[in-house]
C-alpha atoms as a PDB file:
ATOM      1  CA  MET A   1       0.000   0.000   0.000  1.00  0.00           C
ATOM      2  CA  VAL A   2       1.295   3.429  -0.967  1.00  0.00           C
ATOM      3  CA  SER A   3       2.042   5.485   2.145  1.00  0.00           C
ATOM      4  CA  THR A   4       2.954   8.858   0.591  1.00  0.00           C
ATOM      5  CA  VAL A   5       0.054  11.268   0.919  1.00  0.00           C
ATOM      6  CA  ILE A   6      -0.394  14.088  -1.596  1.00  0.00           C
ATOM      7  CA  THR A   7      -3.082  16.593  -0.695  1.00  0.00           C
ATOM      8  CA  SER A   8      -1.992  19.359  -3.057  1.00  0.00           C
ATOM      9  CA  THR A   9      -0.002  19.626  -6.255  1.00  0.00           C
ATOM     10  CA  ASP A  10       2.417  22.273  -7.447  1.00  0.00           C
ATOM     11  CA  LEU A  11       3.537  22.232 -11.090  1.00  0.00           C
ATOM     12  CA  PRO A  12       5.446  25.471 -11.740  1.00  0.00           C
ATOM     13  CA  GLY A  13       5.030  26.686 -15.292  1.00  0.00           C
ATOM     14  CA  ILE A  14       1.817  24.686 -15.862  1.00  0.00           C
ATOM     15  CA  GLU A  15      -1.481  26.575 -15.711  1.00  0.00           C
ATOM     16  CA  ARG A  16      -3.888  25.223 -13.129  1.00  0.00           C
ATOM     17  CA  VAL A  17      -7.414  25.693 -14.478  1.00  0.00           C
ATOM     18  CA  ALA A  18      -9.418  24.035 -11.708  1.00  0.00           C
ATOM     19  CA  SER A  19      -9.077  22.543  -8.259  1.00  0.00           C
ATOM     20  CA  GLY A  20     -11.930  20.491  -6.860  1.00  0.00           C
ATOM     21  CA  LYS A  21     -12.502  18.503  -3.719  1.00  0.00           C
ATOM     22  CA  VAL A  22     -10.115  15.808  -4.956  1.00  0.00           C
ATOM     23  CA  ARG A  23      -8.662  16.702  -8.354  1.00  0.00           C
ATOM     24  CA  ASP A  24      -6.335  19.397  -9.627  1.00  0.00           C
ATOM     25  CA  VAL A  25      -6.675  20.126 -13.344  1.00  0.00           C
ATOM     26  CA  TYR A  26      -3.988  21.738 -15.513  1.00  0.00           C
ATOM     27  CA  ALA A  27      -3.961  23.009 -19.082  1.00  0.00           C
ATOM     28  CA  VAL A  28      -1.414  21.250 -21.317  1.00  0.00           C
ATOM     29  CA  GLY A  29      -1.669  22.775 -24.765  1.00  0.00           C
ATOM     30  CA  ASP A  30      -5.097  21.856 -26.116  1.00  0.00           C
ATOM     31  CA  ASP A  31      -5.388  19.024 -23.607  1.00  0.00           C
ATOM     32  CA  LEU A  32      -5.871  18.709 -19.854  1.00  0.00           C
ATOM     33  CA  LEU A  33      -3.897  17.008 -17.111  1.00  0.00           C
ATOM     34  CA  ILE A  34      -6.081  15.612 -14.322  1.00  0.00           C
ATOM     35  CA  VAL A  35      -4.295  14.816 -11.063  1.00  0.00           C
ATOM     36  CA  ALA A  36      -6.157  12.883  -8.363  1.00  0.00           C
ATOM     37  CA  THR A  37      -4.846  13.920  -4.961  1.00  0.00           C
ATOM     38  CA  ASP A  38      -5.426  12.058  -1.697  1.00  0.00           C
ATOM     39  CA  ARG A  39      -7.849  14.713  -0.465  1.00  0.00           C
ATOM     40  CA  ILE A  40     -11.121  13.460   0.947  1.00  0.00           C
ATOM     41  CA  SER A  41     -14.344  15.317   1.578  1.00  0.00           C
ATOM     42  CA  ALA A  42     -17.405  14.625   3.669  1.00  0.00           C
ATOM     43  CA  PHE A  43     -20.577  16.661   4.030  1.00  0.00           C
ATOM     44  CA  ASP A  44     -19.176  18.935   1.282  1.00  0.00           C
ATOM     45  CA  CYS A  45     -16.082  19.829   3.336  1.00  0.00           C
ATOM     46  CA  VAL A  46     -12.520  18.865   2.443  1.00  0.00           C
ATOM     47  CA  LEU A  47     -10.923  17.267   5.478  1.00  0.00           C
ATOM     48  CA  PRO A  48      -7.536  18.378   6.809  1.00  0.00           C
ATOM     49  CA  GLN A  49      -5.804  15.033   6.184  1.00  0.00           C
ATOM     50  CA  GLY A  50      -5.545  12.915   3.087  1.00  0.00           C
ATOM     51  CA  ILE A  51      -6.131   9.183   2.688  1.00  0.00           C
ATOM     52  CA  PRO A  52      -2.975   7.219   1.742  1.00  0.00           C
ATOM     53  CA  GLY A  53      -3.132   5.981  -1.853  1.00  0.00           C
ATOM     54  CA  LYS A  54      -6.647   7.283  -2.511  1.00  0.00           C
ATOM     55  CA  GLY A  55      -5.713   9.304  -5.600  1.00  0.00           C
ATOM     56  CA  ARG A  56      -3.886   6.352  -7.113  1.00  0.00           C
ATOM     57  CA  VAL A  57      -6.888   4.091  -6.501  1.00  0.00           C
ATOM     58  CA  LEU A  58      -9.237   6.570  -8.182  1.00  0.00           C
ATOM     59  CA  THR A  59      -6.962   6.962 -11.198  1.00  0.00           C
ATOM     60  CA  GLN A  60      -6.088   3.299 -11.654  1.00  0.00           C
ATOM     61  CA  MET A  61      -9.707   2.235 -11.225  1.00  0.00           C
ATOM     62  CA  SER A  62     -10.810   4.748 -13.855  1.00  0.00           C
ATOM     63  CA  LEU A  63      -8.137   3.406 -16.202  1.00  0.00           C
ATOM     64  CA  PHE A  64      -9.384  -0.138 -15.667  1.00  0.00           C
ATOM     65  CA  TRP A  65     -12.939   0.840 -16.512  1.00  0.00           C
ATOM     66  CA  PHE A  66     -11.972   3.031 -19.491  1.00  0.00           C
ATOM     67  CA  ASP A  67     -10.284  -0.022 -21.001  1.00  0.00           C
ATOM     68  CA  PHE A  68     -13.064  -2.412 -19.975  1.00  0.00           C
ATOM     69  CA  LEU A  69     -15.745  -0.203 -21.562  1.00  0.00           C
ATOM     70  CA  LYS A  70     -13.884   0.848 -24.705  1.00  0.00           C
ATOM     71  CA  ASP A  71     -16.163  -1.240 -26.939  1.00  0.00           C
ATOM     72  CA  VAL A  72     -19.222   0.439 -25.393  1.00  0.00           C
ATOM     73  CA  VAL A  73     -18.150   4.074 -25.369  1.00  0.00           C
ATOM     74  CA  PRO A  74     -15.048   6.056 -26.373  1.00  0.00           C
ATOM     75  CA  ASN A  75     -13.368   8.106 -23.648  1.00  0.00           C
ATOM     76  CA  HIS A  76     -11.201  11.177 -23.202  1.00  0.00           C
ATOM     77  CA  LEU A  77      -7.979   9.402 -22.128  1.00  0.00           C
ATOM     78  CA  ILE A  78      -4.785  10.130 -24.053  1.00  0.00           C
ATOM     79  CA  SER A  79      -2.257   8.552 -21.685  1.00  0.00           C
ATOM     80  CA  ALA A  80      -1.661   7.857 -18.007  1.00  0.00           C
ATOM     81  CA  SER A  81       2.081   7.303 -18.412  1.00  0.00           C
ATOM     82  CA  VAL A  82       4.286  10.178 -17.297  1.00  0.00           C
ATOM     83  CA  ASP A  83       6.770   9.062 -19.966  1.00  0.00           C
ATOM     84  CA  ASP A  84       4.203  10.049 -22.599  1.00  0.00           C
ATOM     85  CA  PHE A  85       3.448  13.457 -21.107  1.00  0.00           C
ATOM     86  CA  PRO A  86       4.904  16.538 -22.837  1.00  0.00           C
ATOM     87  CA  ALA A  87       7.739  18.490 -21.236  1.00  0.00           C
ATOM     88  CA  PRO A  88       8.164  19.673 -18.578  1.00  0.00           C
ATOM     89  CA  LEU A  89       5.679  17.350 -16.854  1.00  0.00           C
ATOM     90  CA  GLY A  90       8.320  14.675 -16.460  1.00  0.00           C
ATOM     91  CA  ASN A  91       9.994  16.927 -13.898  1.00  0.00           C
ATOM     92  CA  TYR A  92       7.024  16.395 -11.593  1.00  0.00           C
ATOM     93  CA  ARG A  93       6.926  12.612 -11.717  1.00  0.00           C
ATOM     94  CA  ASP A  94       6.878  12.394  -7.915  1.00  0.00           C
ATOM     95  CA  GLN A  95       3.497  14.165  -7.915  1.00  0.00           C
ATOM     96  CA  LEU A  96       2.063  12.573 -11.056  1.00  0.00           C
ATOM     97  CA  GLU A  97       3.128   8.916 -11.148  1.00  0.00           C
ATOM     98  CA  GLY A  98       0.113   6.618 -10.920  1.00  0.00           C
ATOM     99  CA  ARG A  99      -2.372   9.385 -10.132  1.00  0.00           C
ATOM    100  CA  SER A 100      -2.613  11.493 -13.286  1.00  0.00           C
ATOM    101  CA  MET A 101      -4.183  11.309 -16.733  1.00  0.00           C
ATOM    102  CA  LEU A 102      -3.547  13.382 -19.845  1.00  0.00           C
ATOM    103  CA  VAL A 103      -6.964  13.752 -21.476  1.00  0.00           C
ATOM    104  CA  LYS A 104      -8.692  15.457 -24.378  1.00  0.00           C
ATOM    105  CA  ARG A 105     -10.311  18.749 -23.446  1.00  0.00           C
ATOM    106  CA  CYS A 106     -14.031  18.274 -24.011  1.00  0.00           C
ATOM    107  CA  ARG A 107     -17.100  20.467 -24.020  1.00  0.00           C
ATOM    108  CA  MET A 108     -18.784  18.826 -21.077  1.00  0.00           C
ATOM    109  CA  GLU A 109     -22.535  18.381 -20.897  1.00  0.00           C
ATOM    110  CA  PRO A 110     -24.033  20.311 -17.947  1.00  0.00           C
ATOM    111  CA  VAL A 111     -25.981  17.249 -16.808  1.00  0.00           C
ATOM    112  CA  GLU A 112     -24.518  14.563 -14.571  1.00  0.00           C
ATOM    113  CA  CYS A 113     -25.690  11.129 -15.649  1.00  0.00           C
ATOM    114  CA  VAL A 114     -26.695   8.851 -12.790  1.00  0.00           C
ATOM    115  CA  ALA A 115     -27.713   5.206 -13.086  1.00  0.00           C
ATOM    116  CA  ARG A 116     -29.436   3.570 -10.129  1.00  0.00           C
ATOM    117  CA  GLY A 117     -30.000  -0.134  -9.726  1.00  0.00           C
ATOM    118  CA  TYR A 118     -30.970  -0.008  -6.048  1.00  0.00           C
ATOM    119  CA  VAL A 119     -33.021   2.298  -3.812  1.00  0.00           C
ATOM    120  CA  SER A 120     -30.379   4.114  -1.781  1.00  0.00           C
ATOM    121  CA  GLY A 121     -28.978   7.501  -0.790  1.00  0.00           C
ATOM    122  CA  SER A 122     -30.913  10.518  -2.069  1.00  0.00           C
ATOM    123  CA  GLY A 123     -32.965   8.104  -4.182  1.00  0.00           C
ATOM    124  CA  TRP A 124     -34.298   6.416  -1.051  1.00  0.00           C
ATOM    125  CA  LYS A 125     -35.237   9.796   0.432  1.00  0.00           C
ATOM    126  CA  ASP A 126     -37.080  10.735  -2.772  1.00  0.00           C
ATOM    127  CA  TYR A 127     -38.863   7.391  -2.837  1.00  0.00           C
ATOM    128  CA  GLU A 128     -39.968   7.726   0.802  1.00  0.00           C
ATOM    129  CA  ARG A 129     -41.499  11.132   0.063  1.00  0.00           C
ATOM    130  CA  ARG A 130     -42.949  10.605  -3.398  1.00  0.00           C
ATOM    131  CA  GLY A 131     -42.822   6.930  -4.368  1.00  0.00           C
ATOM    132  CA  ALA A 132     -40.609   8.018  -7.246  1.00  0.00           C
ATOM    133  CA  ILE A 133     -37.002   9.011  -7.954  1.00  0.00           C
ATOM    134  CA  CYS A 134     -36.380  11.968 -10.259  1.00  0.00           C
ATOM    135  CA  GLY A 135     -39.872  11.565 -11.657  1.00  0.00           C
ATOM    136  CA  VAL A 136     -39.517   7.805 -12.251  1.00  0.00           C
ATOM    137  CA  THR A 137     -42.393   6.091 -10.442  1.00  0.00           C
ATOM    138  CA  LEU A 138     -41.441   2.881  -8.650  1.00  0.00           C
ATOM    139  CA  PRO A 139     -43.514   0.030  -7.190  1.00  0.00           C
ATOM    140  CA  ALA A 140     -44.921   0.595  -3.703  1.00  0.00           C
ATOM    141  CA  GLY A 141     -43.453  -1.213  -0.718  1.00  0.00           C
ATOM    142  CA  LEU A 142     -39.759  -1.170  -1.629  1.00  0.00           C
ATOM    143  CA  LEU A 143     -37.300  -1.266   1.253  1.00  0.00           C
ATOM    144  CA  GLU A 144     -34.175   0.834   1.577  1.00  0.00           C
ATOM    145  CA  SER A 145     -31.438  -0.817  -0.552  1.00  0.00           C
ATOM    146  CA  ASP A 146     -33.964  -2.947  -2.484  1.00  0.00           C
ATOM    147  CA  ARG A 147     -33.142  -3.631  -6.104  1.00  0.00           C
ATOM    148  CA  HIS A 148     -35.092  -1.713  -8.728  1.00  0.00           C
ATOM    149  CA  PRO A 149     -37.185  -3.799 -11.140  1.00  0.00           C
ATOM    150  CA  GLU A 150     -34.950  -2.277 -13.834  1.00  0.00           C
ATOM    151  CA  PRO A 151     -32.046   0.188 -13.549  1.00  0.00           C
ATOM    152  CA  ILE A 152     -33.187   3.787 -13.926  1.00  0.00           C
ATOM    153  CA  PHE A 153     -31.609   6.967 -15.257  1.00  0.00           C
ATOM    154  CA  THR A 154     -31.766   9.855 -12.804  1.00  0.00           C
ATOM    155  CA  PRO A 155     -29.925  12.922 -14.113  1.00  0.00           C
ATOM    156  CA  ALA A 156     -28.635  15.727 -11.941  1.00  0.00           C
ATOM    157  CA  ALA A 157     -27.894  19.381 -12.585  1.00  0.00           C
ATOM    158  CA  LYS A 158     -24.232  20.047 -11.873  1.00  0.00           C
ATOM    159  CA  ALA A 159     -23.580  22.340  -8.939  1.00  0.00           C
ATOM    160  CA  THR A 160     -20.473  24.509  -8.636  1.00  0.00           C
ATOM    161  CA  THR A 161     -20.626  24.074  -4.858  1.00  0.00           C
ATOM    162  CA  GLY A 162     -22.386  21.583  -2.625  1.00  0.00           C
ATOM    163  CA  HIS A 163     -24.489  18.712  -3.903  1.00  0.00           C
ATOM    164  CA  ASP A 164     -25.732  18.299  -7.457  1.00  0.00           C
ATOM    165  CA  GLU A 165     -29.514  18.672  -7.756  1.00  0.00           C
ATOM    166  CA  ASN A 166     -31.597  15.694  -8.883  1.00  0.00           C
ATOM    167  CA  ILE A 167     -33.765  16.558 -11.878  1.00  0.00           C
ATOM    168  CA  SER A 168     -36.257  14.745 -14.093  1.00  0.00           C
ATOM    169  CA  PHE A 169     -35.505  13.461 -17.575  1.00  0.00           C
ATOM    170  CA  ASP A 170     -37.800  16.151 -18.978  1.00  0.00           C
ATOM    171  CA  THR A 171     -35.786  18.853 -17.220  1.00  0.00           C
ATOM    172  CA  ALA A 172     -32.566  17.321 -18.560  1.00  0.00           C
ATOM    173  CA  ALA A 173     -34.071  17.354 -22.052  1.00  0.00           C
ATOM    174  CA  GLU A 174     -34.935  21.043 -21.651  1.00  0.00           C
ATOM    175  CA  THR A 175     -31.310  21.677 -20.659  1.00  0.00           C
ATOM    176  CA  VAL A 176     -29.420  19.730 -23.342  1.00  0.00           C
ATOM    177  CA  GLY A 177     -32.118  18.916 -25.910  1.00  0.00           C
ATOM    178  CA  LEU A 178     -34.237  15.776 -26.236  1.00  0.00           C
ATOM    179  CA  GLU A 179     -31.899  14.022 -28.669  1.00  0.00           C
ATOM    180  CA  THR A 180     -28.829  14.516 -26.472  1.00  0.00           C
ATOM    181  CA  ALA A 181     -30.713  13.647 -23.279  1.00  0.00           C
ATOM    182  CA  THR A 182     -31.924  10.409 -24.852  1.00  0.00           C
ATOM    183  CA  LEU A 183     -28.406   9.589 -25.998  1.00  0.00           C
ATOM    184  CA  LEU A 184     -27.003  10.263 -22.519  1.00  0.00           C
ATOM    185  CA  ARG A 185     -29.712   8.143 -20.873  1.00  0.00           C
ATOM    186  CA  ASP A 186     -29.269   5.167 -23.189  1.00  0.00           C
ATOM    187  CA  LEU A 187     -25.488   5.278 -22.957  1.00  0.00           C
ATOM    188  CA  THR A 188     -25.554   5.630 -19.175  1.00  0.00           C
ATOM    189  CA  LEU A 189     -27.776   2.572 -18.759  1.00  0.00           C
ATOM    190  CA  ARG A 190     -25.674   0.518 -21.183  1.00  0.00           C
ATOM    191  CA  ILE A 191     -22.485   1.337 -19.302  1.00  0.00           C
ATOM    192  CA  TYR A 192     -24.125   0.627 -15.953  1.00  0.00           C
ATOM    193  CA  ALA A 193     -25.402  -2.759 -17.117  1.00  0.00           C
ATOM    194  CA  ARG A 194     -21.977  -3.793 -18.376  1.00  0.00           C
ATOM    195  CA  ALA A 195     -20.176  -2.580 -15.251  1.00  0.00           C
ATOM    196  CA  ALA A 196     -22.729  -4.056 -12.830  1.00  0.00           C
ATOM    197  CA  GLN A 197     -22.431  -7.415 -14.557  1.00  0.00           C
ATOM    198  CA  HIS A 198     -18.648  -7.417 -14.115  1.00  0.00           C
ATOM    199  CA  ALA A 199     -18.885  -6.259 -10.509  1.00  0.00           C
ATOM    200  CA  GLU A 200     -21.294  -9.103  -9.802  1.00  0.00           C
ATOM    201  CA  THR A 201     -18.683 -11.617 -10.932  1.00  0.00           C
ATOM    202  CA  ARG A 202     -16.307 -10.081  -8.384  1.00  0.00           C
ATOM    203  CA  GLY A 203     -18.756 -10.375  -5.484  1.00  0.00           C
ATOM    204  CA  ILE A 204     -19.645  -6.685  -5.623  1.00  0.00           C
ATOM    205  CA  ILE A 205     -22.981  -4.932  -6.077  1.00  0.00           C
ATOM    206  CA  LEU A 206     -22.848  -1.700  -8.076  1.00  0.00           C
ATOM    207  CA  ALA A 207     -25.820   0.041  -6.473  1.00  0.00           C
ATOM    208  CA  ASP A 208     -25.514   3.297  -8.403  1.00  0.00           C
ATOM    209  CA  THR A 209     -22.960   5.430 -10.179  1.00  0.00           C
ATOM    210  CA  LYS A 210     -22.571   8.718 -11.993  1.00  0.00           C
ATOM    211  CA  PHE A 211     -20.946   9.550 -15.320  1.00  0.00           C
ATOM    212  CA  GLU A 212     -19.930  12.701 -17.123  1.00  0.00           C
ATOM    213  CA  PHE A 213     -19.833  13.062 -20.887  1.00  0.00           C
ATOM    214  CA  GLY A 214     -18.377  15.679 -23.189  1.00  0.00           C
ATOM    215  CA  TRP A 215     -17.904  16.420 -26.870  1.00  0.00           C
ATOM    216  CA  HIS A 216     -14.575  16.443 -28.685  1.00  0.00           C
ATOM    217  CA  ASN A 217     -14.444  17.036 -32.440  1.00  0.00           C
ATOM    218  CA  GLY A 218     -18.083  16.026 -32.774  1.00  0.00           C
ATOM    219  CA  GLU A 219     -17.709  12.779 -30.804  1.00  0.00           C
ATOM    220  CA  LEU A 220     -19.338  12.122 -27.440  1.00  0.00           C
ATOM    221  CA  LEU A 221     -16.750  10.869 -24.946  1.00  0.00           C
ATOM    222  CA  LEU A 222     -16.912   9.412 -21.449  1.00  0.00           C
ATOM    223  CA  GLY A 223     -14.866  11.690 -19.207  1.00  0.00           C
ATOM    224  CA  ASP A 224     -13.814  12.569 -15.678  1.00  0.00           C
ATOM    225  CA  GLU A 225     -13.510   9.619 -13.273  1.00  0.00           C
ATOM    226  CA  VAL A 226     -15.362   6.396 -13.988  1.00  0.00           C
ATOM    227  CA  LEU A 227     -16.869   3.863 -11.604  1.00  0.00           C
ATOM    228  CA  THR A 228     -14.612   4.733  -8.674  1.00  0.00           C
ATOM    229  CA  PRO A 229     -15.610   4.456  -5.005  1.00  0.00           C
ATOM    230  CA  ASP A 230     -16.021   8.256  -5.037  1.00  0.00           C
ATOM    231  CA  SER A 231     -18.478   8.260  -7.949  1.00  0.00           C
ATOM    232  CA  SER A 232     -20.206   4.946  -7.246  1.00  0.00           C
ATOM    233  CA  ARG A 233     -21.934   3.067  -4.465  1.00  0.00           C
ATOM    234  CA  TYR A 234     -20.303  -0.361  -4.192  1.00  0.00           C
ATOM    235  CA  TRP A 235     -21.590  -2.958  -1.715  1.00  0.00           C
ATOM    236  CA  PRO A 236     -20.164  -6.387  -0.837  1.00  0.00           C
ATOM    237  CA  ARG A 237     -22.536  -9.067  -2.091  1.00  0.00           C
ATOM    238  CA  ASP A 238     -22.002 -11.380   0.881  1.00  0.00           C
ATOM    239  CA  THR A 239     -23.351  -8.883   3.450  1.00  0.00           C
ATOM    240  CA  TYR A 240     -26.164  -7.411   1.329  1.00  0.00           C
ATOM    241  CA  LYS A 241     -29.509  -7.269   3.145  1.00  0.00           C
ATOM    242  CA  PRO A 242     -32.317  -4.896   2.103  1.00  0.00           C
ATOM    243  CA  GLY A 243     -34.079  -2.894   4.777  1.00  0.00           C
ATOM    244  CA  GLY A 244     -31.409  -0.347   5.661  1.00  0.00           C
ATOM    245  CA  PRO A 245     -28.031   1.114   4.649  1.00  0.00           C
ATOM    246  CA  GLN A 246     -25.352  -1.306   3.430  1.00  0.00           C
ATOM    247  CA  GLN A 247     -21.641  -1.631   4.034  1.00  0.00           C
ATOM    248  CA  SER A 248     -19.806   0.241   1.310  1.00  0.00           C
ATOM    249  CA  PHE A 249     -16.387   0.636  -0.292  1.00  0.00           C
ATOM    250  CA  ASP A 250     -15.946   4.359   0.147  1.00  0.00           C
ATOM    251  CA  LYS A 251     -15.647   6.957   2.894  1.00  0.00           C
ATOM    252  CA  GLN A 252     -18.133   5.230   5.156  1.00  0.00           C
ATOM    253  CA  PHE A 253     -15.661   5.181   8.076  1.00  0.00           C
ATOM    254  CA  VAL A 254     -15.105   8.922   7.684  1.00  0.00           C
ATOM    255  CA  ARG A 255     -18.810   9.778   7.657  1.00  0.00           C
ATOM    256  CA  ASP A 256     -19.521   7.436  10.559  1.00  0.00           C
ATOM    257  CA  TYR A 257     -16.753   9.010  12.650  1.00  0.00           C
ATOM    258  CA  LEU A 258     -17.810  12.574  11.867  1.00  0.00           C
ATOM    259  CA  GLU A 259     -21.347  11.789  13.020  1.00  0.00           C
ATOM    260  CA  THR A 260     -19.941  10.978  16.482  1.00  0.00           C
ATOM    261  CA  VAL A 261     -18.125  14.280  17.026  1.00  0.00           C
ATOM    262  CA  THR A 262     -19.394  17.764  17.807  1.00  0.00           C
ATOM    263  CA  TRP A 263     -19.194  19.559  14.458  1.00  0.00           C
ATOM    264  CA  ASN A 264     -21.705  21.771  12.657  1.00  0.00           C
ATOM    265  CA  LYS A 265     -20.649  20.367   9.262  1.00  0.00           C
ATOM    266  CA  GLN A 266     -19.193  23.721   8.228  1.00  0.00           C
ATOM    267  CA  PRO A 267     -15.502  24.374   7.456  1.00  0.00           C
ATOM    268  CA  PRO A 268     -13.101  23.796   8.985  1.00  0.00           C
ATOM    269  CA  ALA A 269     -13.650  20.060   9.329  1.00  0.00           C
ATOM    270  CA  PRO A 270     -12.192  18.282  12.369  1.00  0.00           C
ATOM    271  CA  PRO A 271      -9.090  16.095  12.053  1.00  0.00           C
ATOM    272  CA  LEU A 272      -9.452  12.353  11.598  1.00  0.00           C
ATOM    273  CA  PRO A 273      -7.885   9.843  13.994  1.00  0.00           C
ATOM    274  CA  PRO A 274      -5.228   7.503  12.535  1.00  0.00           C
ATOM    275  CA  ASP A 275      -7.435   4.400  12.701  1.00  0.00           C
ATOM    276  CA  VAL A 276     -10.200   6.045  10.633  1.00  0.00           C
ATOM    277  CA  ILE A 277      -7.637   7.135   8.024  1.00  0.00           C
ATOM    278  CA  GLU A 278      -6.167   3.628   7.890  1.00  0.00           C
ATOM    279  CA  LYS A 279      -9.533   1.867   7.616  1.00  0.00           C
ATOM    280  CA  THR A 280     -10.675   4.240   4.887  1.00  0.00           C
ATOM    281  CA  SER A 281      -7.484   3.663   2.911  1.00  0.00           C
ATOM    282  CA  GLU A 282      -7.980  -0.079   3.251  1.00  0.00           C
ATOM    283  CA  LYS A 283     -11.536   0.223   1.917  1.00  0.00           C
ATOM    284  CA  TYR A 284     -10.410   2.077  -1.208  1.00  0.00           C
ATOM    285  CA  HIS A 285      -7.628  -0.418  -1.888  1.00  0.00           C
ATOM    286  CA  ASP A 286      -9.959  -3.349  -1.246  1.00  0.00           C
ATOM    287  CA  ALA A 287     -12.441  -2.001  -3.784  1.00  0.00           C
ATOM    288  CA  TYR A 288      -9.664  -1.748  -6.369  1.00  0.00           C
ATOM    289  CA  ARG A 289      -8.415  -5.275  -5.685  1.00  0.00           C
ATOM    290  CA  ARG A 290     -11.859  -6.797  -5.836  1.00  0.00           C
ATOM    291  CA  ILE A 291     -12.977  -5.036  -9.009  1.00  0.00           C
ATOM    292  CA  THR A 292      -9.735  -5.343 -11.012  1.00  0.00           C
ATOM    293  CA  GLY A 293      -8.122  -8.438  -9.527  1.00  0.00           C
ATOM    294  CA  LEU A 294      -4.934  -6.386  -9.138  1.00  0.00           C
ATOM    295  CA  SER A 295      -3.096  -4.703  -6.284  1.00  0.00           C
ATOM    296  CA  LEU A 296      -1.449  -1.291  -6.083  1.00  0.00           C
END
């Protein structure tokens, strides 16, 4: 397990164009360099410590899925090898190795594409209130974490801060046009079906996940991160039991700990104890091992 923790990047001479909760993005000519740090957020706050190896897990898992799905959808990846990066990026190998991707700069669609196979998270809250999720009516009597009769597409409007807002398909169509919304929905459900099928063979349930798509030279590409523990809800099959929340391969330990401390969920976030950091790191690495069959 990688022990070096990188919570910020510094690439002198390279223009940083964005810095999110986890990723730093740089302009490299007409392309972009995406660097996944070890930052972790909870309740929309970035925590003061990083999680060892988290950025590498996110990057390597995305690379696995980009390759796995290449016959379903093209993607924005150019290379994840520092040796292939243009000068002077090679000078920053210590910050980039294993956690960065050189990608095509795309015109991203303003709608986040979410596929849900199980009633969980914000979907469960919507279902409790309305019997529907993002306008998709579901059968009565479903339990929390129950499987949907069929996977559903539940788009979200991207938010610059805080949580994305769940919207209906009709609202998505008003935003991007009916033809594009239909394309995004069909592609999202195809990718989800393929990924969920693979996860099942690895003893993992892919409860839900989110994708981002963008256009490059007239072609729609899968972008950003793909099917990582940060963008997906993964559950172990052997402990799955509908009727409540499930164990998950993400920052569950972090959220659980933060619920036990006195904190108003506003910055600054409190520090994490070493055992919570270690357990969270183990969860991310375990997800990677189980899904890919490889170790970092």
